[in-house]
Amino acid sequence: MNTIEARWRNVQKLVYHRFGEKLDEQTILFIIGLQELGKGEADYKKEEKLDIIHVGICTVLSNYGYYQFLGKDDDGWPHFKNIKKLPNEIQGENQEILLKTAIIDYFNL
């Protein structure tokens, strides 16, 4: 088993203990986005949920130099600037590996 897989399992264990079920990558990104938004649980519209996932993605990829945190707007929503494009070879499975690694690093596991 490679290191990323083992560390990803640690992330899954962590969120399982917190939420009582196994969560996929997208749901974990939603949780990270929600954490960064700082508003807690609410009834979010579909578009807001996608925005929250985007906040999660920007947050974890900011540590890799792809996004820069600009601050929060008057409603408390974080804003990021895309400062580096993902290389063309980071698609599909490679993109999933990058996101998983970034999530692992977010949780310091």
N, C-alpha and C. Protein backbone atom coordinates (compact mmCIF):
# COMPACT_ATOMS: atom_id res chain seq x y z
N MET A 1 0.85 -1.18 0.00
CA MET A 1 0.00 0.00 0.00
C MET A 1 0.89 1.24 0.00
N ASN A 2 0.58 2.19 -0.89
CA ASN A 2 1.43 3.39 -0.93
C ASN A 2 1.05 4.35 0.19
N THR A 3 1.91 5.30 0.41
CA THR A 3 1.75 6.23 1.52
C THR A 3 0.48 7.07 1.41
N ILE A 4 0.16 7.53 0.20
CA ILE A 4 -1.04 8.36 0.02
C ILE A 4 -2.29 7.57 0.40
N GLU A 5 -2.36 6.31 -0.02
CA GLU A 5 -3.53 5.49 0.31
C GLU A 5 -3.66 5.31 1.82
N ALA A 6 -2.54 5.05 2.49
CA ALA A 6 -2.57 4.86 3.95
C ALA A 6 -2.97 6.15 4.65
N ARG A 7 -2.43 7.27 4.22
CA ARG A 7 -2.76 8.55 4.83
C ARG A 7 -4.22 8.94 4.54
N TRP A 8 -4.71 8.60 3.33
CA TRP A 8 -6.10 8.87 2.98
C TRP A 8 -7.03 8.08 3.89
N ARG A 9 -6.66 6.85 4.19
CA ARG A 9 -7.47 6.04 5.11
C ARG A 9 -7.53 6.70 6.49
N ASN A 10 -6.44 7.33 6.90
CA ASN A 10 -6.44 8.05 8.18
C ASN A 10 -7.41 9.23 8.16
N VAL A 11 -7.49 9.93 7.03
CA VAL A 11 -8.47 11.02 6.88
C VAL A 11 -9.87 10.44 6.98
N GLN A 12 -10.12 9.34 6.27
CA GLN A 12 -11.45 8.72 6.29
C GLN A 12 -11.82 8.25 7.70
N LYS A 13 -10.84 7.72 8.44
CA LYS A 13 -11.10 7.30 9.82
C LYS A 13 -11.46 8.52 10.68
N LEU A 14 -10.72 9.60 10.50
CA LEU A 14 -10.96 10.82 11.27
C LEU A 14 -12.37 11.33 11.04
N VAL A 15 -12.79 11.45 9.78
CA VAL A 15 -14.13 11.96 9.51
C VAL A 15 -15.20 10.95 9.89
N TYR A 16 -14.88 9.66 9.81
CA TYR A 16 -15.84 8.63 10.22
C TYR A 16 -16.14 8.77 11.72
N HIS A 17 -15.08 8.95 12.51
CA HIS A 17 -15.27 9.10 13.96
C HIS A 17 -16.05 10.37 14.30
N ARG A 18 -15.90 11.39 13.49
CA ARG A 18 -16.61 12.65 13.74
C ARG A 18 -18.06 12.62 13.25
N PHE A 19 -18.30 11.99 12.09
CA PHE A 19 -19.62 12.05 11.46
C PHE A 19 -20.37 10.71 11.44
N GLY A 20 -19.69 9.62 11.81
CA GLY A 20 -20.37 8.33 11.93
C GLY A 20 -20.59 7.60 10.63
N GLU A 21 -19.98 8.07 9.55
CA GLU A 21 -20.10 7.36 8.27
C GLU A 21 -18.89 7.68 7.41
N LYS A 22 -18.65 6.78 6.45
CA LYS A 22 -17.54 6.98 5.51
C LYS A 22 -17.95 8.06 4.51
N LEU A 23 -17.09 9.07 4.35
CA LEU A 23 -17.40 10.19 3.46
C LEU A 23 -16.45 10.18 2.27
N ASP A 24 -16.98 10.57 1.12
CA ASP A 24 -16.15 10.62 -0.08
C ASP A 24 -15.39 11.95 -0.14
N GLU A 25 -14.52 12.04 -1.13
CA GLU A 25 -13.66 13.21 -1.30
C GLU A 25 -14.45 14.51 -1.42
N GLN A 26 -15.51 14.48 -2.20
CA GLN A 26 -16.32 15.69 -2.42
C GLN A 26 -17.00 16.15 -1.12
N THR A 27 -17.48 15.21 -0.35
CA THR A 27 -18.13 15.55 0.92
C THR A 27 -17.11 16.12 1.90
N ILE A 28 -15.91 15.56 1.90
CA ILE A 28 -14.86 16.08 2.77
C ILE A 28 -14.47 17.50 2.35
N LEU A 29 -14.41 17.75 1.05
CA LEU A 29 -14.14 19.11 0.57
C LEU A 29 -15.26 20.07 0.98
N PHE A 30 -16.49 19.59 0.98
CA PHE A 30 -17.62 20.40 1.45
C PHE A 30 -17.43 20.75 2.92
N ILE A 31 -17.03 19.78 3.72
CA ILE A 31 -16.83 20.00 5.16
C ILE A 31 -15.70 21.01 5.38
N ILE A 32 -14.62 20.88 4.61
CA ILE A 32 -13.51 21.84 4.72
C ILE A 32 -14.00 23.24 4.36
N GLY A 33 -14.75 23.33 3.27
CA GLY A 33 -15.30 24.63 2.86
C GLY A 33 -16.22 25.22 3.92
N LEU A 34 -17.03 24.37 4.52
CA LEU A 34 -17.94 24.80 5.57
C LEU A 34 -17.15 25.31 6.78
N GLN A 35 -16.08 24.59 7.11
CA GLN A 35 -15.21 25.00 8.21
C GLN A 35 -14.60 26.37 7.93
N GLU A 36 -14.12 26.56 6.72
CA GLU A 36 -13.49 27.83 6.35
C GLU A 36 -14.52 28.96 6.28
N LEU A 37 -15.74 28.63 5.89
CA LEU A 37 -16.81 29.62 5.83
C LEU A 37 -17.20 30.06 7.24
N GLY A 38 -17.14 29.10 8.18
CA GLY A 38 -17.40 29.42 9.58
C GLY A 38 -18.85 29.68 9.93
N LYS A 39 -19.77 29.20 9.12
CA LYS A 39 -21.19 29.47 9.39
C LYS A 39 -21.93 28.26 9.94
N GLY A 40 -21.31 27.11 9.97
CA GLY A 40 -21.97 25.93 10.51
C GLY A 40 -23.03 25.36 9.60
N GLU A 41 -23.78 24.44 10.17
CA GLU A 41 -24.81 23.76 9.39
C GLU A 41 -25.99 24.68 9.12
N ALA A 42 -26.53 24.56 7.93
CA ALA A 42 -27.71 25.33 7.53
C ALA A 42 -28.31 24.65 6.31
N ASP A 43 -29.43 25.12 5.88
CA ASP A 43 -30.02 24.63 4.64
C ASP A 43 -29.47 25.47 3.50
N TYR A 44 -28.46 24.93 2.83
CA TYR A 44 -27.84 25.64 1.72
C TYR A 44 -28.48 25.22 0.41
N LYS A 45 -28.62 26.17 -0.49
CA LYS A 45 -29.11 25.89 -1.84
C LYS A 45 -28.01 25.15 -2.60
N LYS A 46 -28.40 24.50 -3.70
CA LYS A 46 -27.44 23.73 -4.49
C LYS A 46 -26.25 24.58 -4.92
N GLU A 47 -26.52 25.79 -5.39
CA GLU A 47 -25.43 26.67 -5.83
C GLU A 47 -24.49 27.02 -4.68
N GLU A 48 -25.06 27.25 -3.50
CA GLU A 48 -24.23 27.54 -2.32
C GLU A 48 -23.38 26.34 -1.94
N LYS A 49 -23.95 25.14 -2.05
CA LYS A 49 -23.18 23.92 -1.75
C LYS A 49 -21.99 23.80 -2.69
N LEU A 50 -22.20 24.08 -3.97
CA LEU A 50 -21.10 24.05 -4.93
C LEU A 50 -20.06 25.11 -4.60
N ASP A 51 -20.51 26.28 -4.18
CA ASP A 51 -19.58 27.34 -3.76
C ASP A 51 -18.77 26.91 -2.54
N ILE A 52 -19.41 26.20 -1.62
CA ILE A 52 -18.73 25.73 -0.41
C ILE A 52 -17.67 24.69 -0.78
N ILE A 53 -17.99 23.79 -1.70
CA ILE A 53 -17.01 22.81 -2.18
C ILE A 53 -15.84 23.55 -2.84
N HIS A 54 -16.15 24.59 -3.60
CA HIS A 54 -15.10 25.38 -4.25
C HIS A 54 -14.19 26.04 -3.20
N VAL A 55 -14.77 26.53 -2.13
CA VAL A 55 -13.98 27.10 -1.03
C VAL A 55 -13.05 26.03 -0.47
N GLY A 56 -13.57 24.81 -0.30
CA GLY A 56 -12.74 23.70 0.18
C GLY A 56 -11.59 23.41 -0.76
N ILE A 57 -11.87 23.36 -2.05
CA ILE A 57 -10.82 23.10 -3.05
C ILE A 57 -9.77 24.20 -3.02
N CYS A 58 -10.21 25.45 -3.04
CA CYS A 58 -9.27 26.58 -3.01
C CYS A 58 -8.42 26.55 -1.74
N THR A 59 -9.05 26.21 -0.62
CA THR A 59 -8.34 26.17 0.65
C THR A 59 -7.22 25.15 0.63
N VAL A 60 -7.54 23.92 0.22
CA VAL A 60 -6.52 22.86 0.26
C VAL A 60 -5.45 23.09 -0.81
N LEU A 61 -5.82 23.65 -1.96
CA LEU A 61 -4.83 23.88 -3.02
C LEU A 61 -4.03 25.16 -2.82
N SER A 62 -4.46 26.01 -1.89
CA SER A 62 -3.69 27.23 -1.62
C SER A 62 -2.33 26.89 -1.03
N ASN A 63 -2.25 25.79 -0.30
CA ASN A 63 -0.97 25.34 0.27
C ASN A 63 0.01 24.88 -0.81
N TYR A 64 -0.48 24.64 -2.00
CA TYR A 64 0.35 24.19 -3.12
C TYR A 64 0.61 25.32 -4.11
N GLY A 65 0.18 26.52 -3.77
CA GLY A 65 0.46 27.68 -4.60
C GLY A 65 -0.49 27.90 -5.77
N TYR A 66 -1.61 27.17 -5.79
CA TYR A 66 -2.56 27.33 -6.89
C TYR A 66 -3.55 28.47 -6.63
N TYR A 67 -3.83 28.74 -5.38
CA TYR A 67 -4.76 29.80 -5.01
C TYR A 67 -4.17 30.63 -3.89
N GLN A 68 -4.59 31.88 -3.83
CA GLN A 68 -4.19 32.78 -2.75
C GLN A 68 -5.46 33.30 -2.09
N PHE A 69 -5.50 33.21 -0.77
CA PHE A 69 -6.63 33.72 -0.01
C PHE A 69 -6.59 35.24 -0.04
N LEU A 70 -7.71 35.86 -0.45
CA LEU A 70 -7.78 37.32 -0.54
C LEU A 70 -8.48 37.95 0.65
N GLY A 71 -9.30 37.18 1.35
CA GLY A 71 -10.06 37.72 2.47
C GLY A 71 -11.52 37.31 2.34
N LYS A 72 -12.32 37.82 3.24
CA LYS A 72 -13.75 37.50 3.24
C LYS A 72 -14.56 38.72 2.84
N ASP A 73 -15.67 38.47 2.18
CA ASP A 73 -16.56 39.57 1.80
C ASP A 73 -17.46 39.95 2.97
N ASP A 74 -18.37 40.88 2.75
CA ASP A 74 -19.24 41.37 3.82
C ASP A 74 -20.17 40.29 4.38
N ASP A 75 -20.42 39.25 3.59
CA ASP A 75 -21.26 38.14 4.05
C ASP A 75 -20.44 37.03 4.71
N GLY A 76 -19.13 37.21 4.80
CA GLY A 76 -18.27 36.23 5.44
C GLY A 76 -17.76 35.13 4.52
N TRP A 77 -18.00 35.25 3.22
CA TRP A 77 -17.54 34.23 2.28
C TRP A 77 -16.08 34.48 1.92
N PRO A 78 -15.23 33.43 2.03
CA PRO A 78 -13.83 33.56 1.64
C PRO A 78 -13.70 33.73 0.12
N HIS A 79 -12.73 34.52 -0.28
CA HIS A 79 -12.44 34.71 -1.70
C HIS A 79 -10.98 34.39 -1.97
N PHE A 80 -10.75 33.76 -3.11
CA PHE A 80 -9.42 33.32 -3.49
C PHE A 80 -9.10 33.83 -4.89
N LYS A 81 -7.82 33.96 -5.14
CA LYS A 81 -7.35 34.32 -6.48
C LYS A 81 -6.57 33.12 -7.01
N ASN A 82 -6.90 32.71 -8.23
CA ASN A 82 -6.16 31.63 -8.88
C ASN A 82 -4.84 32.21 -9.36
N ILE A 83 -3.73 31.72 -8.81
CA ILE A 83 -2.43 32.29 -9.16
C ILE A 83 -1.56 31.36 -9.99
N LYS A 84 -1.98 30.11 -10.10
CA LYS A 84 -1.20 29.16 -10.91
C LYS A 84 -2.16 28.12 -11.46
N LYS A 85 -2.08 27.86 -12.76
CA LYS A 85 -2.94 26.86 -13.38
C LYS A 85 -2.42 25.46 -13.07
N LEU A 86 -3.36 24.52 -12.98
CA LEU A 86 -2.97 23.13 -12.86
C LEU A 86 -2.35 22.69 -14.18
N PRO A 87 -1.23 21.99 -14.13
CA PRO A 87 -0.64 21.49 -15.38
C PRO A 87 -1.62 20.56 -16.11
N ASN A 88 -1.51 20.51 -17.42
CA ASN A 88 -2.41 19.69 -18.24
C ASN A 88 -2.39 18.22 -17.85
N GLU A 89 -1.26 17.74 -17.37
CA GLU A 89 -1.18 16.32 -17.00
C GLU A 89 -1.91 16.00 -15.70
N ILE A 90 -2.34 17.03 -14.98
CA ILE A 90 -3.09 16.80 -13.74
C ILE A 90 -4.58 16.81 -14.07
N GLN A 91 -5.03 15.67 -14.56
CA GLN A 91 -6.43 15.46 -14.89
C GLN A 91 -6.81 14.07 -14.43
N GLY A 92 -8.09 13.84 -14.31
CA GLY A 92 -8.58 12.50 -13.96
C GLY A 92 -7.99 11.99 -12.67
N GLU A 93 -7.34 10.84 -12.74
CA GLU A 93 -6.78 10.19 -11.56
C GLU A 93 -5.70 11.04 -10.91
N ASN A 94 -4.88 11.71 -11.71
CA ASN A 94 -3.83 12.57 -11.15
C ASN A 94 -4.42 13.74 -10.37
N GLN A 95 -5.54 14.27 -10.85
CA GLN A 95 -6.21 15.36 -10.14
C GLN A 95 -6.77 14.85 -8.81
N GLU A 96 -7.32 13.65 -8.83
CA GLU A 96 -7.84 13.05 -7.60
C GLU A 96 -6.72 12.84 -6.59
N ILE A 97 -5.57 12.39 -7.05
CA ILE A 97 -4.42 12.18 -6.16
C ILE A 97 -3.97 13.51 -5.57
N LEU A 98 -3.90 14.55 -6.40
CA LEU A 98 -3.51 15.88 -5.91
C LEU A 98 -4.48 16.36 -4.84
N LEU A 99 -5.78 16.25 -5.10
CA LEU A 99 -6.78 16.71 -4.13
C LEU A 99 -6.72 15.90 -2.84
N LYS A 100 -6.57 14.58 -2.96
CA LYS A 100 -6.46 13.74 -1.76
C LYS A 100 -5.24 14.12 -0.95
N THR A 101 -4.11 14.33 -1.63
CA THR A 101 -2.88 14.72 -0.93
C THR A 101 -3.06 16.07 -0.25
N ALA A 102 -3.71 17.00 -0.92
CA ALA A 102 -3.95 18.33 -0.34
C ALA A 102 -4.89 18.24 0.87
N ILE A 103 -5.89 17.37 0.79
CA ILE A 103 -6.80 17.16 1.93
C ILE A 103 -6.04 16.54 3.09
N ILE A 104 -5.21 15.56 2.81
CA ILE A 104 -4.38 14.92 3.84
C ILE A 104 -3.54 15.98 4.55
N ASP A 105 -2.89 16.83 3.76
CA ASP A 105 -2.05 17.89 4.34
C ASP A 105 -2.88 18.89 5.14
N TYR A 106 -4.09 19.18 4.70
CA TYR A 106 -4.98 20.08 5.45
C TYR A 106 -5.23 19.54 6.85
N PHE A 107 -5.41 18.23 6.95
CA PHE A 107 -5.66 17.60 8.25
C PHE A 107 -4.37 17.24 8.98
N ASN A 108 -3.23 17.54 8.38
CA ASN A 108 -1.92 17.23 8.97
C ASN A 108 -1.76 15.76 9.30
N LEU A 109 -2.18 14.88 8.39
CA LEU A 109 -2.08 13.44 8.63
C LEU A 109 -1.03 12.81 7.74
